[in-house]
Protein backbone atom coordinates (compact mmCIF):
# COMPACT_ATOMS: atom_id res chain seq x y z
CA MET A 1 147.34 60.84 89.36
CA THR A 2 150.90 62.64 89.35
CA VAL A 3 152.46 63.06 93.02
CA GLU A 4 155.24 64.51 93.88
CA ILE A 5 157.52 63.77 97.48
CA ILE A 6 158.87 67.30 98.91
CA GLU A 7 160.41 65.94 101.91
CA LYS A 8 161.26 62.58 102.88
CA HIS A 9 162.62 62.15 107.07
CA GLN A 10 162.91 58.45 108.78
CA SER A 11 161.59 58.33 111.91
CA PHE A 12 161.69 55.28 114.35
CA GLY A 13 162.51 52.97 111.64
CA GLY A 14 159.94 54.06 109.40
CA GLN A 15 159.36 57.09 107.09
CA GLN A 16 157.73 60.58 107.09
CA ILE A 17 156.75 61.65 103.73
CA LYS A 18 155.24 64.79 102.98
CA TYR A 19 153.54 65.04 98.90
CA ARG A 20 152.33 68.14 96.92
CA HIS A 21 149.63 67.26 93.84
CA ASP A 22 147.01 68.84 92.12
CA SER A 23 143.55 68.46 93.27
CA ALA A 24 140.87 67.92 91.04
CA THR A 25 138.02 68.39 93.58
CA LEU A 26 139.61 71.29 95.22
CA LYS A 27 141.17 73.00 91.70
CA CYS A 28 144.28 73.57 93.34
CA GLU A 29 147.51 72.25 94.58
CA MET A 30 147.55 70.45 97.56
CA THR A 31 150.17 68.96 100.43
CA PHE A 32 149.65 66.01 102.54
CA SER A 33 151.60 64.16 105.09
CA LEU A 34 152.07 60.67 105.04
CA PHE A 35 154.04 58.39 107.88
CA LEU A 36 154.83 54.68 107.19
CA PRO A 37 156.10 52.22 109.45
CA PRO A 38 158.77 49.90 108.39
CA GLU A 39 158.31 47.61 106.22
CA THR A 40 157.00 44.00 106.93
CA LYS A 41 154.89 41.28 105.25
CA THR A 42 152.35 42.06 107.59
CA ALA A 43 149.39 43.98 106.05
CA MET A 44 149.49 47.51 107.86
CA PRO A 45 145.82 50.06 108.72
CA LEU A 46 145.54 53.38 108.06
CA ILE A 47 144.71 56.21 110.38
CA TRP A 48 143.36 59.35 109.35
CA TRP A 49 144.57 62.98 111.03
CA LEU A 50 142.54 65.66 110.48
CA SER A 51 144.51 69.13 112.31
CA GLY A 52 142.63 72.02 113.57
CA LEU A 53 141.99 75.90 112.70
CA THR A 54 145.01 77.35 111.48
CA CYS A 55 147.31 74.17 111.01
CA THR A 56 148.61 72.86 108.33
CA ASP A 57 149.43 69.00 107.34
CA ASP A 58 152.95 69.64 109.47
CA ASN A 59 151.60 70.47 112.70
CA PHE A 60 150.73 66.79 113.52
CA SER A 61 153.89 64.97 111.50
CA GLN A 62 156.06 67.32 113.85
CA LYS A 63 154.43 68.16 117.01
CA GLY A 64 152.51 64.63 117.44
CA ALA A 65 154.55 62.67 119.03
CA PHE A 66 152.70 59.70 117.07
CA GLN A 67 155.53 58.14 115.17
CA ALA A 68 156.85 55.82 117.70
CA TYR A 69 153.49 54.09 118.25
CA ALA A 70 153.07 54.14 114.82
CA ALA A 71 155.56 51.86 114.29
CA LYS A 72 155.49 49.79 116.86
CA ASN A 73 151.60 49.22 115.89
CA HIS A 74 152.58 48.86 112.01
CA VAL A 75 150.17 51.62 111.39
CA ALA A 76 150.16 54.12 108.67
CA PHE A 77 149.20 57.37 109.28
CA VAL A 78 148.04 60.38 106.48
CA MET A 79 147.66 63.92 107.42
CA PRO A 80 145.60 65.70 105.18
CA ASP A 81 145.91 69.91 104.90
CA THR A 82 143.17 72.04 106.56
CA SER A 83 141.78 73.80 103.36
CA PRO A 84 142.11 74.87 99.94
CA ARG A 85 145.56 76.81 99.29
CA GLY A 86 146.11 80.16 96.74
CA VAL A 87 142.24 80.41 96.42
CA ALA A 88 139.07 81.97 97.81
CA ASP A 89 140.49 83.61 101.42
CA SER A 90 139.12 85.73 104.37
CA ASP A 91 141.23 88.41 106.48
CA ASP A 92 139.77 86.19 109.85
CA TRP A 93 141.87 83.63 111.08
CA ASP A 94 138.71 81.23 111.94
CA LEU A 95 137.61 81.32 108.22
CA GLY A 96 139.01 80.79 104.67
CA GLN A 97 142.37 78.71 104.61
CA GLY A 98 143.38 76.54 107.43
CA ALA A 99 139.59 76.70 108.31
CA SER A 100 137.48 74.36 106.15
CA PHE A 101 135.28 72.48 108.35
CA TYR A 102 136.02 69.61 106.31
CA LEU A 103 132.56 70.09 104.38
CA ASN A 104 131.57 70.82 101.01
CA ALA A 105 130.70 74.57 100.55
CA THR A 106 127.58 75.56 98.88
CA GLN A 107 128.28 79.57 98.89
CA GLU A 108 130.35 81.89 96.91
CA PRO A 109 132.91 82.63 96.67
CA TRP A 110 133.83 78.95 98.55
CA GLN A 111 131.46 76.95 96.14
CA ALA A 112 134.06 76.48 93.73
CA ASN A 113 137.22 75.21 95.75
CA TYR A 114 135.67 74.49 99.56
CA GLN A 115 134.90 70.61 99.14
CA MET A 116 137.22 68.84 101.42
CA TYR A 117 134.45 66.38 102.15
CA ASP A 118 134.52 65.08 98.44
CA TYR A 119 138.12 65.61 99.10
CA LEU A 120 139.01 63.59 101.99
CA THR A 121 135.94 60.86 101.23
CA GLN A 122 136.77 60.57 97.53
CA GLU A 123 140.20 61.31 95.83
CA LEU A 124 142.91 61.59 98.36
CA PRO A 125 142.22 58.24 100.23
CA ALA A 126 142.54 56.64 96.68
CA LEU A 127 145.91 58.67 96.19
CA VAL A 128 146.35 57.03 99.53
CA TYR A 129 145.88 53.61 98.99
CA SER A 130 148.08 53.88 96.00
CA LEU A 131 151.20 54.68 97.90
CA LEU A 132 150.69 51.90 101.00
CA PRO A 133 152.59 48.74 100.97
CA ASN A 134 150.52 45.94 101.37
CA PHE A 135 147.54 47.82 102.85
CA SER A 136 144.72 45.63 104.78
CA GLY A 137 141.84 47.88 104.06
CA LYS A 138 140.96 48.82 107.11
CA GLU A 139 140.71 52.57 108.03
CA SER A 140 139.83 54.74 111.27
CA ILE A 141 139.90 58.42 111.78
CA MET A 142 140.87 61.21 114.39
CA GLY A 143 141.49 64.75 114.80
CA HIS A 144 141.92 68.34 116.86
CA SER A 145 139.19 70.82 117.53
CA MET A 146 138.25 71.88 114.03
CA GLY A 147 139.86 68.37 113.27
CA GLY A 148 137.81 66.81 116.05
CA HIS A 149 134.44 67.69 114.41
CA GLY A 150 135.72 66.51 111.31
CA ALA A 151 136.60 63.19 112.65
CA LEU A 152 134.00 62.83 114.15
CA MET A 153 131.12 63.91 111.06
CA ILE A 154 133.25 62.19 108.77
CA GLY A 155 133.28 58.85 110.83
CA LEU A 156 129.92 59.08 111.10
CA LYS A 157 128.66 59.68 107.95
CA ASN A 158 130.68 56.91 106.61
CA PRO A 159 129.96 54.13 109.24
CA GLN A 160 130.86 51.47 106.87
CA ARG A 161 134.58 52.88 106.14
CA PHE A 162 135.87 53.71 109.74
CA SER A 163 136.46 51.21 112.29
CA ALA A 164 136.98 53.47 114.75
CA ILE A 165 136.90 57.22 115.82
CA SER A 166 138.59 59.82 118.29
CA ALA A 167 139.18 63.27 118.49
CA PHE A 168 141.04 65.75 121.21
CA ALA A 169 138.87 68.54 122.21
CA PRO A 170 136.75 68.34 119.34
CA ILE A 171 133.59 70.83 118.49
CA SER A 172 131.23 68.59 118.66
CA ASN A 173 128.43 70.81 118.19
CA PRO A 174 129.32 73.21 115.89
CA SER A 175 125.94 74.91 115.03
CA GLN A 176 125.43 76.09 118.76
CA VAL A 177 129.00 77.32 118.99
CA PRO A 178 130.73 80.85 117.37
CA TRP A 179 133.24 79.15 115.91
CA GLY A 180 131.00 76.71 113.41
CA GLN A 181 128.34 79.28 113.49
CA LYS A 182 130.65 81.37 111.71
CA ALA A 183 131.85 79.08 109.49
CA PHE A 184 128.70 77.40 108.57
CA THR A 185 127.12 80.62 107.54
CA ALA A 186 129.77 81.41 105.34
CA TYR A 187 130.62 78.29 103.81
CA LEU A 188 126.96 76.99 103.71
CA GLY A 189 124.05 79.83 104.01
CA THR A 190 121.82 80.71 107.12
CA SER A 191 119.18 77.94 106.92
CA VAL A 192 120.06 76.46 109.73
CA ASN A 193 118.19 72.96 108.54
CA THR A 194 121.71 72.94 106.16
CA TRP A 195 123.89 72.65 108.97
CA ARG A 196 122.71 69.77 110.19
CA ALA A 197 124.85 66.98 108.00
CA TRP A 198 127.48 68.76 109.04
CA ASP A 199 127.21 68.38 112.82
CA ALA A 200 128.15 65.52 114.82
CA THR A 201 125.52 65.99 117.35
CA GLU A 202 122.97 65.48 114.80
CA LEU A 203 124.53 63.32 112.97
CA LEU A 204 124.53 61.00 116.39
CA LYS A 205 120.94 61.16 116.62
CA GLU A 206 120.41 60.10 112.98
CA VAL A 207 122.71 57.22 113.27
CA GLY A 208 121.97 56.03 116.82
CA THR A 209 123.87 52.85 117.24
CA LYS A 210 124.94 52.53 113.58
CA HIS A 211 128.27 54.44 114.44
CA ALA A 212 131.97 53.29 114.99
CA PRO A 213 133.32 53.15 118.56
CA ILE A 214 133.99 56.95 119.70
CA LEU A 215 136.83 58.24 122.26
CA ILE A 216 137.13 61.77 123.12
CA THR A 217 139.83 63.37 125.04
CA GLN A 218 139.23 67.09 126.48
CA GLY A 219 141.48 69.10 129.07
CA THR A 220 140.18 70.93 132.08
CA ASP A 221 142.10 74.05 131.08
CA ASP A 222 141.33 74.18 127.47
CA ASN A 223 140.85 78.19 126.95
CA PHE A 224 138.33 77.44 124.39
CA TYR A 225 136.25 74.95 126.39
CA GLN A 226 133.43 76.90 127.86
CA VAL A 227 132.73 79.05 124.34
CA GLN A 228 133.45 76.53 121.75
CA LEU A 229 133.77 73.08 122.81
CA ASN A 230 130.84 72.34 125.24
CA GLU A 231 130.02 68.63 124.79
CA GLN A 232 127.03 68.53 126.85
CA ALA A 233 124.69 68.40 124.05
CA PHE A 234 127.13 65.55 121.93
CA LEU A 235 126.89 63.43 125.42
CA ALA A 236 123.41 63.67 125.62
CA ALA A 237 123.29 62.44 121.91
CA ALA A 238 125.55 59.74 122.92
CA ALA A 239 123.67 58.79 125.95
CA ALA A 240 120.53 56.84 123.53
CA SER A 241 123.55 54.94 121.70
CA ASP A 242 124.36 51.14 122.91
CA LYS A 243 127.60 51.48 121.52
CA ALA A 244 130.25 53.03 124.43
CA ILE A 245 131.21 56.14 123.85
CA SER A 246 134.30 57.04 125.91
CA TYR A 247 134.71 60.75 127.61
CA ARG A 248 137.59 61.14 129.10
CA LYS A 249 138.20 64.92 130.84
CA GLU A 250 142.33 65.24 132.45
CA ILE A 251 142.46 67.79 134.84
CA GLY A 252 144.82 70.20 134.11
CA TYR A 253 145.47 70.15 130.52
CA ASP A 254 144.82 72.55 128.16
CA HIS A 255 144.48 73.10 123.75
CA SER A 256 147.41 72.43 122.70
CA TYR A 257 149.83 69.79 121.01
CA TYR A 258 151.18 69.00 124.38
CA THR A 259 148.48 67.45 125.24
CA ILE A 260 147.84 65.57 122.00
CA ALA A 261 151.65 64.56 122.50
CA THR A 262 150.76 63.14 126.29
CA PHE A 263 147.59 60.77 124.77
CA ILE A 264 148.24 59.85 121.72
CA GLU A 265 149.93 56.51 122.88
CA GLU A 266 146.14 56.20 124.34
CA HIS A 267 144.22 57.00 121.03
CA ILE A 268 146.21 54.78 119.37
CA ALA A 269 146.11 51.94 121.69
CA PHE A 270 142.30 52.56 121.23
CA HIS A 271 142.44 52.49 117.32
CA ILE A 272 144.69 49.76 116.98
CA SER A 273 141.93 47.26 119.11
CA TYR A 274 139.46 48.11 116.40
CA LEU A 275 141.93 47.95 113.60
CA LYS A 276 143.18 44.82 114.11
């Protein structure tokens, strides 16, 4: 598979690299970013970051303030884009490009290209692994908002693959909030039963105790909290699990990357404790 470097920057002794490639799964050109810590003989694990609505792979690489902690802990980060590009789209900011919800669409006009789950679990990993020097084989996943939904959903659907899961302000019960209902209706159709396979709260009920450790950070001043992010159903489902789910409500923090930058060291430490 051919991959092209678009740009490269040195950061904290490591390399922040942006790539472009042709995706057979999504049938379009895609970009992704990769942070490689300073190279040593020590095997490095990998953390996946999934961004939120309207974002690209640049948002976290430029505003996430993670590179210093990733370099210190000798862990690589990969940042996929949030949707296919140059294909089916919508005039609405919360649907279409930048708003894939990381699932496999079954409805037109989305089905042909919006196969993000397969892209993230099959095609892109094979490419990313080939770019990692001395990969340890251990992975975890984290994300923000729509990407928090993606991290929880993909992590819960692949319990053998990911050592840990974390999320900032995730859409944890998308089938019950406006953002998720809009996207699921467009991508999956109107049958609510088909939505369950892509809803972290429903998945948590199914997997029970068979999931990786989970950390969630939610700011109390998040302007999307009451309508889009209410986590009560997810926490209720989590109560049945004998594995601790750490839920941290941070006073005064909002939905922005300022919150992510503030608590990213804590999240990386959480992941490293399970990756190493």
